[in-house]
Each structure stands twice: as C-alpha cells, then as structure tokens.
Amino acid sequence: MARGCPSCSCTLRLTSIPVCPLSVQTHRDGTYHYELGRALAPLRDDGVLIVGSGSATHNLRRILRTFAPTSDEPVPEWVAEFDAWLRESLLNGRHDDVKRYEERAPFAKLAHPRPDHFYPLHVALGAAGPEAKAELIHRSWSNATLSYASYRFTTKQEDTLTTLVCD
C-alpha cells in the first residue's frame, strides 16, 4: 500500500487537523507493525492521536455481493469466528495472539487474504502500549462478510482515549 490509509486520512484532511498517513508494509508481519506502533507511542505525550484505519475482516473475493450492504443475512462462519476471536483477543489483552494472528486466529487467511486492511490495527495497538486495555466502541457489518468492529485502547495509567481504530 504505497499511499497509506485512505479512509480516515482523507476525512481528517478536510479539517484543520494535521494528518500524516503511514503506509503499512505488506511484506512484513503483525509483530513488525505492532513494534512500529511502539516506536510511535511517545507521540501521544505530545498530544498526537494515532488512528488505525482498516477493517476487522476484509476479503473482497468472498464478499456476499448479492446482498445489500445493510442486509440482515447471516454472517458466514469464517467471518464470525475470526471476528469473535479478534474481539476476545483484544478485550482479554492477548496482544501476542493478535500479533501472530496468521498462526493463531481461525480462518485468518480467509478473513484477510492480504494484510493491508488489518495491519493498521497492529500499529494502533502497539502505540497504545503493552498494558493497553481494548474497548469495542462500534460494531457493524456490510454485505454479511465485512466486519467494521472498531476499538479504542486506553493505558492502565490513564483512562483517556489514546488510540482509535476506525474505518
């Protein structure tokens, strides 16, 4: 992904808030992107909000295009299991599992055949720190296969918003 995360950066550019998009490195792994976030963590002390824009599940080849985006069709097993695994891993502080999702998550390759829409979560999680607590702040689906679960991460020392993952 040569131009960074487009969703939030385009939206924020319409305001007076300075934005610096960061490209993910699809040839690297989740641990690399988590550590990249750790390197960015000191920016929080300067009032920088670190936003990861991606998708909890993102497989466009398996998208249920026959359904309207807001359809109430049941979510396929592979999507539901990966999304539940991600939620439980984040809410229970299992950062190592998230970093190694390709080995530990059910249906990881189906949920994310390419990691470019998932690595922003790793950067945001890393920026929040190893003691970060996750909170599910939004959950919705599109085309029965795209999960737009959004999380915010807070540190143990502070109970304020430090990192937000959105789409």
Foldseek 3Di string as FASTA:
>chain_A
DPPADPPVVVVVVVDPDDDDGDFDDQVDFLVVLLVLLLVVQVCVVVVDEQEQEFFLFDDVVPFLVVAFFQDPDAADPQQVQSSVVVVVCQQVLVLVCLRVVVPRGRNVCRRPVTCRRPSSVSSQNSSQPSQKHKDFDDWDTTSSRTIFTKIFIHHPVDPDTRYIYGD
